[in-house]
Amino acid sequence: MSSLASFYGSPDSPAYCSSKAAVRFLGESLRPRLAQSGMVVSVIYPGYVETPMTAGVRPRVPFTTSAERAATIIERALARGQARIAFPFATYCVVRLLAILPATLATRLTARAPDKA
């Protein structure tokens, strides 16, 4: 279980982002290696999911997914053997874009984001 946070380091949670990036690269590295043995590795990259842990996060994070919806997305993708399970799509696109932008521009854009309390 990685996170969309693994694609671009958020200035308000560097330890979380880096730990999720490690999980991302471990899973993506193991996928081809274990495929030779017939094993399927899927890496899950959720955005914010409504849970008791995220209930107090302010300001409210856009595109938050309900736990039930997240479970449905993951279950269906795992059944298909999907390699990368990233949701919600809009947030996935934003973090992928941040990752390919010039660092100075991405830093300016993320510096304006409010800290999550």
Protein backbone atom coordinates (compact mmCIF):
# COMPACT_ATOMS: atom_id res chain seq x y z
CA MET A 1 0.00 0.00 0.00
CA SER A 2 1.73 3.12 -1.25
CA SER A 3 0.06 6.49 -1.78
CA LEU A 4 -0.36 9.20 -4.39
CA ALA A 5 2.03 11.09 -2.10
CA SER A 6 4.79 8.84 -3.46
CA PHE A 7 4.79 10.66 -6.81
CA TYR A 8 5.61 14.12 -5.47
CA GLY A 9 6.94 15.07 -2.05
CA SER A 10 4.54 17.30 -0.15
CA PRO A 11 6.32 19.94 1.95
CA ASP A 12 4.04 19.26 4.93
CA SER A 13 4.75 15.51 5.12
CA PRO A 14 8.24 14.60 3.89
CA ALA A 15 8.60 11.46 6.03
CA TYR A 16 5.24 10.09 4.90
CA CYS A 17 5.95 10.83 1.23
CA SER A 18 9.39 9.24 1.33
CA SER A 19 8.16 6.09 3.10
CA LYS A 20 5.37 5.70 0.53
CA ALA A 21 7.88 6.24 -2.29
CA ALA A 22 9.96 3.39 -0.87
CA VAL A 23 6.91 1.11 -0.91
CA ARG A 24 6.13 2.23 -4.46
CA PHE A 25 9.59 1.39 -5.76
CA LEU A 26 9.73 -1.89 -3.87
CA GLY A 27 6.44 -3.04 -5.38
CA GLU A 28 7.28 -1.83 -8.86
CA SER A 29 10.69 -3.52 -8.68
CA LEU A 30 9.26 -6.80 -7.44
CA ARG A 31 6.50 -6.93 -10.09
CA PRO A 32 8.62 -8.11 -13.05
CA ARG A 33 10.84 -10.28 -10.89
CA LEU A 34 7.96 -12.17 -9.29
CA ALA A 35 5.99 -12.37 -12.55
CA GLN A 36 8.53 -14.99 -13.66
CA SER A 37 7.20 -17.16 -10.82
CA GLY A 38 3.57 -16.50 -11.73
CA MET A 39 2.99 -14.01 -8.92
CA VAL A 40 1.12 -10.76 -9.53
CA VAL A 41 2.17 -7.63 -7.66
CA SER A 42 -0.20 -4.69 -7.55
CA VAL A 43 0.78 -1.40 -5.95
CA ILE A 44 -2.07 0.67 -4.56
CA TYR A 45 -1.81 4.47 -4.63
CA PRO A 46 -4.82 5.97 -2.87
CA GLY A 47 -5.33 9.66 -2.39
CA TYR A 48 -7.20 10.83 0.70
CA VAL A 49 -9.69 8.26 1.94
CA GLU A 50 -12.35 9.19 4.50
CA THR A 51 -11.33 7.41 7.69
CA PRO A 52 -11.22 8.36 11.37
CA MET A 53 -7.55 9.27 10.82
CA THR A 54 -8.33 11.78 8.05
CA ALA A 55 -11.53 13.13 9.63
CA GLY A 56 -9.70 15.97 11.39
CA VAL A 57 -7.66 17.13 8.40
CA ARG A 58 -8.35 20.77 7.65
CA PRO A 59 -8.74 22.32 5.21
CA ARG A 60 -10.80 19.55 3.64
CA VAL A 61 -8.82 17.81 0.92
CA PRO A 62 -10.46 17.88 -2.52
CA PHE A 63 -11.40 14.59 -4.18
CA THR A 64 -11.50 12.67 -0.90
CA THR A 65 -12.79 9.13 -1.50
CA SER A 66 -15.12 7.27 0.84
CA ALA A 67 -13.70 4.12 2.39
CA GLU A 68 -16.41 2.07 0.67
CA ARG A 69 -15.59 3.51 -2.76
CA ALA A 70 -11.87 2.98 -2.18
CA ALA A 71 -12.49 -0.67 -1.25
CA THR A 72 -14.55 -1.20 -4.42
CA ILE A 73 -11.88 0.38 -6.64
CA ILE A 74 -9.12 -1.72 -5.06
CA GLU A 75 -11.12 -4.96 -5.15
CA ARG A 76 -12.01 -4.61 -8.83
CA ALA A 77 -8.48 -3.65 -9.87
CA LEU A 78 -6.92 -6.51 -7.89
CA ALA A 79 -9.33 -8.95 -9.55
CA ARG A 80 -8.03 -7.74 -12.94
CA GLY A 81 -4.41 -8.07 -11.83
CA GLN A 82 -3.87 -4.37 -12.45
CA ALA A 83 -0.27 -3.34 -11.76
CA ARG A 84 -0.93 0.24 -10.63
CA ILE A 85 -4.11 1.11 -8.73
CA ALA A 86 -4.18 4.90 -8.40
CA PHE A 87 -7.21 6.96 -7.40
CA PRO A 88 -8.87 9.38 -7.57
CA PHE A 89 -7.87 10.03 -11.15
CA ALA A 90 -7.85 13.84 -10.85
CA THR A 91 -5.40 13.78 -7.92
CA TYR A 92 -3.27 11.17 -9.71
CA CYS A 93 -3.00 13.52 -12.71
CA VAL A 94 -2.03 16.47 -10.49
CA VAL A 95 0.78 14.62 -8.66
CA ARG A 96 2.11 13.15 -11.90
CA LEU A 97 2.15 16.64 -13.41
CA LEU A 98 3.97 18.04 -10.38
CA ALA A 99 6.55 15.29 -10.74
CA ILE A 100 7.41 16.23 -14.33
CA LEU A 101 7.33 20.01 -13.97
CA PRO A 102 10.59 21.88 -13.50
CA ALA A 103 11.43 21.75 -9.79
CA THR A 104 11.32 25.52 -9.36
CA LEU A 105 7.78 25.72 -10.77
CA ALA A 106 6.50 22.71 -8.79
CA THR A 107 8.02 24.16 -5.61
CA ARG A 108 6.31 27.51 -6.20
CA LEU A 109 2.96 25.81 -6.78
CA THR A 110 3.13 23.57 -3.72
CA ALA A 111 4.49 26.32 -1.44
CA ARG A 112 1.10 28.04 -1.74
CA ALA A 113 -0.83 25.01 -0.51
CA PRO A 114 -2.13 25.36 3.05
CA ASP A 115 -0.67 23.07 5.71
CA LYS A 116 -3.01 20.32 6.80
CA ALA A 117 -3.74 20.59 10.51
